[in-house]
Amino acid sequence: MTDKEVSESAAHVVERAADLFGLLSTPVRLRIVLQLCSGEKSVSELLVALKVGQPNVSQHLTMMYRAGLVSRRKQGAQVFYRIANDSVIAVCKAVCTQVATDMGKKLLTPAP
């Protein structure tokens, strides 16, 4: 691989990372990820846990699905979401745990 190819590859990685951080820059989306850390949840379960309106949660879930962060399956009238890539969990937990530590608080997330 040439220096130019390495540089272009690094630029592509940085752009993809920036896209991921941009997608996760919304508090509701981070809260969704933290809820899904413990496993698959229905939209109804997410609504109860997040205390956010259904249209708002659906919009965020759709964006996360299109970006490949979450996957979904339908069972009857229910739609269930789960994390599609475990690295998303690792990044979110690491950042949120560090922020909570800096604030002198404990991050309360469901156990995996």
N, C-alpha and C. Protein backbone atom coordinates (compact mmCIF):
# COMPACT_ATOMS: atom_id res chain seq x y z
N MET A 1 0.84 -1.18 0.00
CA MET A 1 0.00 0.00 0.00
C MET A 1 0.89 1.25 0.00
N THR A 2 0.57 2.20 -0.84
CA THR A 2 1.35 3.43 -0.92
C THR A 2 0.95 4.38 0.20
N ASP A 3 1.79 5.38 0.43
CA ASP A 3 1.47 6.39 1.44
C ASP A 3 0.14 7.09 1.12
N LYS A 4 -0.09 7.32 -0.16
CA LYS A 4 -1.34 7.97 -0.57
C LYS A 4 -2.54 7.08 -0.24
N GLU A 5 -2.43 5.78 -0.50
CA GLU A 5 -3.52 4.85 -0.21
C GLU A 5 -3.78 4.75 1.30
N VAL A 6 -2.71 4.74 2.08
CA VAL A 6 -2.84 4.70 3.54
C VAL A 6 -3.54 5.96 4.02
N SER A 7 -3.12 7.11 3.47
CA SER A 7 -3.71 8.38 3.85
C SER A 7 -5.20 8.43 3.49
N GLU A 8 -5.54 7.96 2.31
CA GLU A 8 -6.95 7.94 1.89
C GLU A 8 -7.77 6.99 2.75
N SER A 9 -7.18 5.86 3.09
CA SER A 9 -7.86 4.90 3.95
C SER A 9 -8.10 5.49 5.34
N ALA A 10 -7.08 6.16 5.89
CA ALA A 10 -7.22 6.80 7.20
C ALA A 10 -8.30 7.88 7.16
N ALA A 11 -8.34 8.64 6.08
CA ALA A 11 -9.35 9.69 5.94
C ALA A 11 -10.75 9.08 5.91
N HIS A 12 -10.89 7.95 5.24
CA HIS A 12 -12.19 7.29 5.17
C HIS A 12 -12.61 6.80 6.56
N VAL A 13 -11.67 6.24 7.31
CA VAL A 13 -11.96 5.76 8.67
C VAL A 13 -12.40 6.92 9.55
N VAL A 14 -11.69 8.03 9.47
CA VAL A 14 -12.02 9.20 10.29
C VAL A 14 -13.39 9.74 9.91
N GLU A 15 -13.71 9.76 8.63
CA GLU A 15 -15.03 10.23 8.20
C GLU A 15 -16.14 9.32 8.73
N ARG A 16 -15.92 8.01 8.68
CA ARG A 16 -16.92 7.07 9.19
C ARG A 16 -17.09 7.23 10.71
N ALA A 17 -15.98 7.41 11.42
CA ALA A 17 -16.05 7.62 12.88
C ALA A 17 -16.81 8.91 13.19
N ALA A 18 -16.55 9.96 12.42
CA ALA A 18 -17.25 11.23 12.63
C ALA A 18 -18.75 11.06 12.38
N ASP A 19 -19.11 10.28 11.36
CA ASP A 19 -20.53 10.01 11.09
C ASP A 19 -21.17 9.29 12.27
N LEU A 20 -20.45 8.31 12.83
CA LEU A 20 -20.97 7.57 13.97
C LEU A 20 -21.15 8.48 15.18
N PHE A 21 -20.14 9.29 15.48
CA PHE A 21 -20.25 10.21 16.61
C PHE A 21 -21.36 11.23 16.38
N GLY A 22 -21.52 11.68 15.14
CA GLY A 22 -22.61 12.61 14.82
C GLY A 22 -23.96 11.98 15.08
N LEU A 23 -24.11 10.73 14.67
CA LEU A 23 -25.37 10.03 14.88
C LEU A 23 -25.65 9.84 16.36
N LEU A 24 -24.62 9.62 17.14
CA LEU A 24 -24.78 9.39 18.58
C LEU A 24 -24.77 10.67 19.40
N SER A 25 -24.74 11.81 18.73
CA SER A 25 -24.63 13.08 19.45
C SER A 25 -25.96 13.56 20.04
N THR A 26 -27.02 12.83 19.81
CA THR A 26 -28.33 13.19 20.35
C THR A 26 -28.60 12.40 21.63
N PRO A 27 -28.94 13.07 22.72
CA PRO A 27 -29.17 12.36 23.99
C PRO A 27 -30.17 11.21 23.89
N VAL A 28 -31.24 11.39 23.14
CA VAL A 28 -32.24 10.31 23.03
C VAL A 28 -31.61 9.07 22.39
N ARG A 29 -30.78 9.26 21.38
CA ARG A 29 -30.14 8.10 20.73
C ARG A 29 -29.17 7.40 21.67
N LEU A 30 -28.45 8.17 22.46
CA LEU A 30 -27.56 7.55 23.45
C LEU A 30 -28.37 6.78 24.49
N ARG A 31 -29.48 7.34 24.89
CA ARG A 31 -30.34 6.65 25.86
C ARG A 31 -30.91 5.35 25.25
N ILE A 32 -31.24 5.38 23.97
CA ILE A 32 -31.71 4.17 23.29
C ILE A 32 -30.61 3.11 23.31
N VAL A 33 -29.39 3.50 22.96
CA VAL A 33 -28.27 2.55 22.98
C VAL A 33 -28.09 1.96 24.37
N LEU A 34 -28.12 2.82 25.40
CA LEU A 34 -27.95 2.33 26.76
C LEU A 34 -29.06 1.36 27.15
N GLN A 35 -30.28 1.61 26.69
CA GLN A 35 -31.38 0.69 26.97
C GLN A 35 -31.18 -0.65 26.26
N LEU A 36 -30.64 -0.60 25.05
CA LEU A 36 -30.45 -1.82 24.26
C LEU A 36 -29.20 -2.59 24.65
N CYS A 37 -28.39 -2.03 25.54
CA CYS A 37 -27.19 -2.74 26.01
C CYS A 37 -27.55 -4.08 26.64
N SER A 38 -28.69 -4.15 27.27
CA SER A 38 -29.08 -5.39 27.96
C SER A 38 -29.81 -6.36 27.03
N GLY A 39 -30.00 -5.97 25.79
CA GLY A 39 -30.64 -6.87 24.83
C GLY A 39 -31.79 -6.22 24.10
N GLU A 40 -32.39 -7.02 23.26
CA GLU A 40 -33.48 -6.58 22.40
C GLU A 40 -34.66 -6.05 23.22
N LYS A 41 -35.26 -4.97 22.69
CA LYS A 41 -36.44 -4.39 23.34
C LYS A 41 -37.45 -3.99 22.26
N SER A 42 -38.71 -4.06 22.64
CA SER A 42 -39.76 -3.61 21.73
C SER A 42 -39.84 -2.08 21.79
N VAL A 43 -40.48 -1.51 20.81
CA VAL A 43 -40.68 -0.07 20.82
C VAL A 43 -41.47 0.33 22.06
N SER A 44 -42.45 -0.47 22.43
CA SER A 44 -43.25 -0.17 23.63
C SER A 44 -42.38 -0.12 24.88
N GLU A 45 -41.46 -1.07 25.01
CA GLU A 45 -40.56 -1.08 26.17
C GLU A 45 -39.66 0.15 26.17
N LEU A 46 -39.19 0.54 25.01
CA LEU A 46 -38.34 1.73 24.91
C LEU A 46 -39.12 2.99 25.29
N LEU A 47 -40.37 3.07 24.85
CA LEU A 47 -41.19 4.24 25.18
C LEU A 47 -41.36 4.39 26.67
N VAL A 48 -41.61 3.29 27.37
CA VAL A 48 -41.78 3.32 28.82
C VAL A 48 -40.48 3.74 29.49
N ALA A 49 -39.37 3.15 29.07
CA ALA A 49 -38.07 3.42 29.69
C ALA A 49 -37.59 4.84 29.44
N LEU A 50 -37.82 5.34 28.23
CA LEU A 50 -37.29 6.64 27.84
C LEU A 50 -38.21 7.80 28.20
N LYS A 51 -39.49 7.51 28.36
CA LYS A 51 -40.47 8.57 28.65
C LYS A 51 -40.41 9.68 27.59
N VAL A 52 -40.39 9.26 26.34
CA VAL A 52 -40.34 10.16 25.18
C VAL A 52 -41.48 9.74 24.26
N GLY A 53 -42.03 10.67 23.53
CA GLY A 53 -43.15 10.38 22.64
C GLY A 53 -42.81 9.38 21.55
N GLN A 54 -43.82 8.62 21.14
CA GLN A 54 -43.64 7.58 20.13
C GLN A 54 -43.09 8.10 18.80
N PRO A 55 -43.60 9.21 18.26
CA PRO A 55 -43.04 9.70 16.99
C PRO A 55 -41.55 10.04 17.10
N ASN A 56 -41.16 10.61 18.24
CA ASN A 56 -39.77 10.99 18.46
C ASN A 56 -38.88 9.74 18.50
N VAL A 57 -39.28 8.74 19.28
CA VAL A 57 -38.49 7.50 19.39
C VAL A 57 -38.43 6.80 18.04
N SER A 58 -39.54 6.72 17.34
CA SER A 58 -39.57 6.05 16.03
C SER A 58 -38.64 6.73 15.04
N GLN A 59 -38.62 8.06 15.06
CA GLN A 59 -37.74 8.80 14.15
C GLN A 59 -36.27 8.47 14.45
N HIS A 60 -35.90 8.46 15.72
CA HIS A 60 -34.51 8.16 16.09
C HIS A 60 -34.15 6.71 15.75
N LEU A 61 -35.06 5.78 16.03
CA LEU A 61 -34.80 4.38 15.71
C LEU A 61 -34.63 4.17 14.21
N THR A 62 -35.43 4.86 13.42
CA THR A 62 -35.31 4.75 11.96
C THR A 62 -33.95 5.25 11.50
N MET A 63 -33.50 6.36 12.03
CA MET A 63 -32.18 6.90 11.64
C MET A 63 -31.08 5.92 12.05
N MET A 64 -31.19 5.36 13.25
CA MET A 64 -30.19 4.42 13.73
C MET A 64 -30.20 3.13 12.90
N TYR A 65 -31.38 2.70 12.49
CA TYR A 65 -31.51 1.51 11.66
C TYR A 65 -30.87 1.73 10.29
N ARG A 66 -31.18 2.86 9.68
CA ARG A 66 -30.63 3.16 8.35
C ARG A 66 -29.11 3.28 8.37
N ALA A 67 -28.56 3.71 9.51
CA ALA A 67 -27.11 3.84 9.65
C ALA A 67 -26.44 2.52 10.03
N GLY A 68 -27.25 1.50 10.32
CA GLY A 68 -26.69 0.20 10.67
C GLY A 68 -26.30 0.02 12.13
N LEU A 69 -26.73 0.96 12.99
CA LEU A 69 -26.41 0.85 14.41
C LEU A 69 -27.31 -0.16 15.10
N VAL A 70 -28.55 -0.23 14.69
CA VAL A 70 -29.49 -1.18 15.27
C VAL A 70 -30.09 -2.03 14.16
N SER A 71 -30.55 -3.21 14.55
CA SER A 71 -31.30 -4.04 13.62
C SER A 71 -32.69 -4.23 14.24
N ARG A 72 -33.62 -4.69 13.44
CA ARG A 72 -34.98 -4.82 13.94
C ARG A 72 -35.62 -6.07 13.37
N ARG A 73 -36.63 -6.51 14.09
CA ARG A 73 -37.44 -7.62 13.60
C ARG A 73 -38.88 -7.35 14.03
N LYS A 74 -39.77 -7.86 13.22
CA LYS A 74 -41.19 -7.65 13.50
C LYS A 74 -41.79 -8.97 13.95
N GLN A 75 -42.59 -8.89 15.00
CA GLN A 75 -43.31 -10.06 15.50
C GLN A 75 -44.75 -9.61 15.73
N GLY A 76 -45.61 -9.99 14.84
CA GLY A 76 -46.99 -9.52 14.90
C GLY A 76 -47.00 -8.01 14.68
N ALA A 77 -47.64 -7.30 15.59
CA ALA A 77 -47.71 -5.84 15.49
C ALA A 77 -46.52 -5.17 16.16
N GLN A 78 -45.72 -5.93 16.90
CA GLN A 78 -44.59 -5.37 17.65
C GLN A 78 -43.32 -5.33 16.78
N VAL A 79 -42.52 -4.30 16.99
CA VAL A 79 -41.21 -4.21 16.35
C VAL A 79 -40.18 -4.21 17.47
N PHE A 80 -39.17 -5.07 17.33
CA PHE A 80 -38.12 -5.21 18.32
C PHE A 80 -36.80 -4.72 17.74
N TYR A 81 -36.04 -3.99 18.55
CA TYR A 81 -34.75 -3.46 18.13
C TYR A 81 -33.64 -4.03 19.01
N ARG A 82 -32.47 -4.17 18.40
CA ARG A 82 -31.28 -4.60 19.13
C ARG A 82 -30.07 -3.93 18.50
N ILE A 83 -28.99 -3.88 19.24
CA ILE A 83 -27.75 -3.30 18.73
C ILE A 83 -27.21 -4.21 17.64
N ALA A 84 -26.85 -3.64 16.51
CA ALA A 84 -26.35 -4.42 15.38
C ALA A 84 -24.84 -4.61 15.45
N ASN A 85 -24.16 -3.73 16.18
CA ASN A 85 -22.70 -3.79 16.24
C ASN A 85 -22.26 -3.54 17.68
N ASP A 86 -21.67 -4.54 18.30
CA ASP A 86 -21.29 -4.43 19.71
C ASP A 86 -20.27 -3.32 19.99
N SER A 87 -19.54 -2.88 18.98
CA SER A 87 -18.58 -1.80 19.21
C SER A 87 -19.31 -0.50 19.58
N VAL A 88 -20.55 -0.34 19.13
CA VAL A 88 -21.35 0.83 19.49
C VAL A 88 -21.59 0.84 21.00
N ILE A 89 -21.88 -0.33 21.56
CA ILE A 89 -22.08 -0.44 23.01
C ILE A 89 -20.81 -0.05 23.74
N ALA A 90 -19.69 -0.58 23.29
CA ALA A 90 -18.41 -0.31 23.96
C ALA A 90 -18.09 1.18 23.96
N VAL A 91 -18.27 1.82 22.83
CA VAL A 91 -17.98 3.26 22.72
C VAL A 91 -18.91 4.07 23.62
N CYS A 92 -20.21 3.80 23.55
CA CYS A 92 -21.18 4.56 24.35
C CYS A 92 -20.97 4.35 25.84
N LYS A 93 -20.76 3.11 26.25
CA LYS A 93 -20.55 2.85 27.67
C LYS A 93 -19.26 3.52 28.16
N ALA A 94 -18.21 3.45 27.35
CA ALA A 94 -16.93 4.06 27.76
C ALA A 94 -17.08 5.56 27.95
N VAL A 95 -17.69 6.22 26.99
CA VAL A 95 -17.84 7.68 27.07
C VAL A 95 -18.79 8.07 28.20
N CYS A 96 -19.94 7.41 28.28
CA CYS A 96 -20.92 7.76 29.32
C CYS A 96 -20.39 7.44 30.72
N THR A 97 -19.67 6.34 30.86
CA THR A 97 -19.09 6.00 32.16
C THR A 97 -18.05 7.03 32.58
N GLN A 98 -17.23 7.46 31.63
CA GLN A 98 -16.21 8.47 31.96
C GLN A 98 -16.86 9.79 32.35
N VAL A 99 -17.88 10.20 31.63
CA VAL A 99 -18.58 11.44 31.96
C VAL A 99 -19.22 11.33 33.34
N ALA A 100 -19.86 10.19 33.62
CA ALA A 100 -20.48 9.98 34.93
C ALA A 100 -19.43 10.02 36.03
N THR A 101 -18.28 9.39 35.80
CA THR A 101 -17.19 9.40 36.77
C THR A 101 -16.70 10.82 37.02
N ASP A 102 -16.52 11.57 35.95
CA ASP A 102 -16.08 12.96 36.08
C ASP A 102 -17.08 13.79 36.87
N MET A 103 -18.35 13.44 36.78
CA MET A 103 -19.40 14.15 37.50
C MET A 103 -19.59 13.59 38.92
N GLY A 104 -18.85 12.55 39.26
CA GLY A 104 -18.98 11.94 40.57
C GLY A 104 -20.26 11.12 40.73
N LYS A 105 -20.77 10.61 39.61
CA LYS A 105 -22.00 9.83 39.62
C LYS A 105 -21.74 8.45 39.04
N LYS A 106 -22.66 7.54 39.30
CA LYS A 106 -22.56 6.20 38.75
C LYS A 106 -23.52 6.12 37.57
N LEU A 107 -23.03 5.55 36.46
CA LEU A 107 -23.87 5.37 35.29
C LEU A 107 -24.79 4.18 35.54
N LEU A 108 -26.08 4.42 35.48
CA LEU A 108 -27.05 3.36 35.71
C LEU A 108 -27.50 2.81 34.38
N THR A 109 -26.96 1.64 34.02
CA THR A 109 -27.37 0.97 32.80
C THR A 109 -27.83 -0.43 33.16
N PRO A 110 -28.75 -0.95 32.37
CA PRO A 110 -29.19 -2.31 32.61
C PRO A 110 -28.00 -3.27 32.43
N ALA A 111 -27.95 -4.32 33.23
CA ALA A 111 -26.88 -5.30 33.11
C ALA A 111 -27.03 -6.07 31.82
N PRO A 112 -25.89 -6.37 31.15
CA PRO A 112 -25.98 -7.14 29.89
C PRO A 112 -26.39 -8.57 30.13
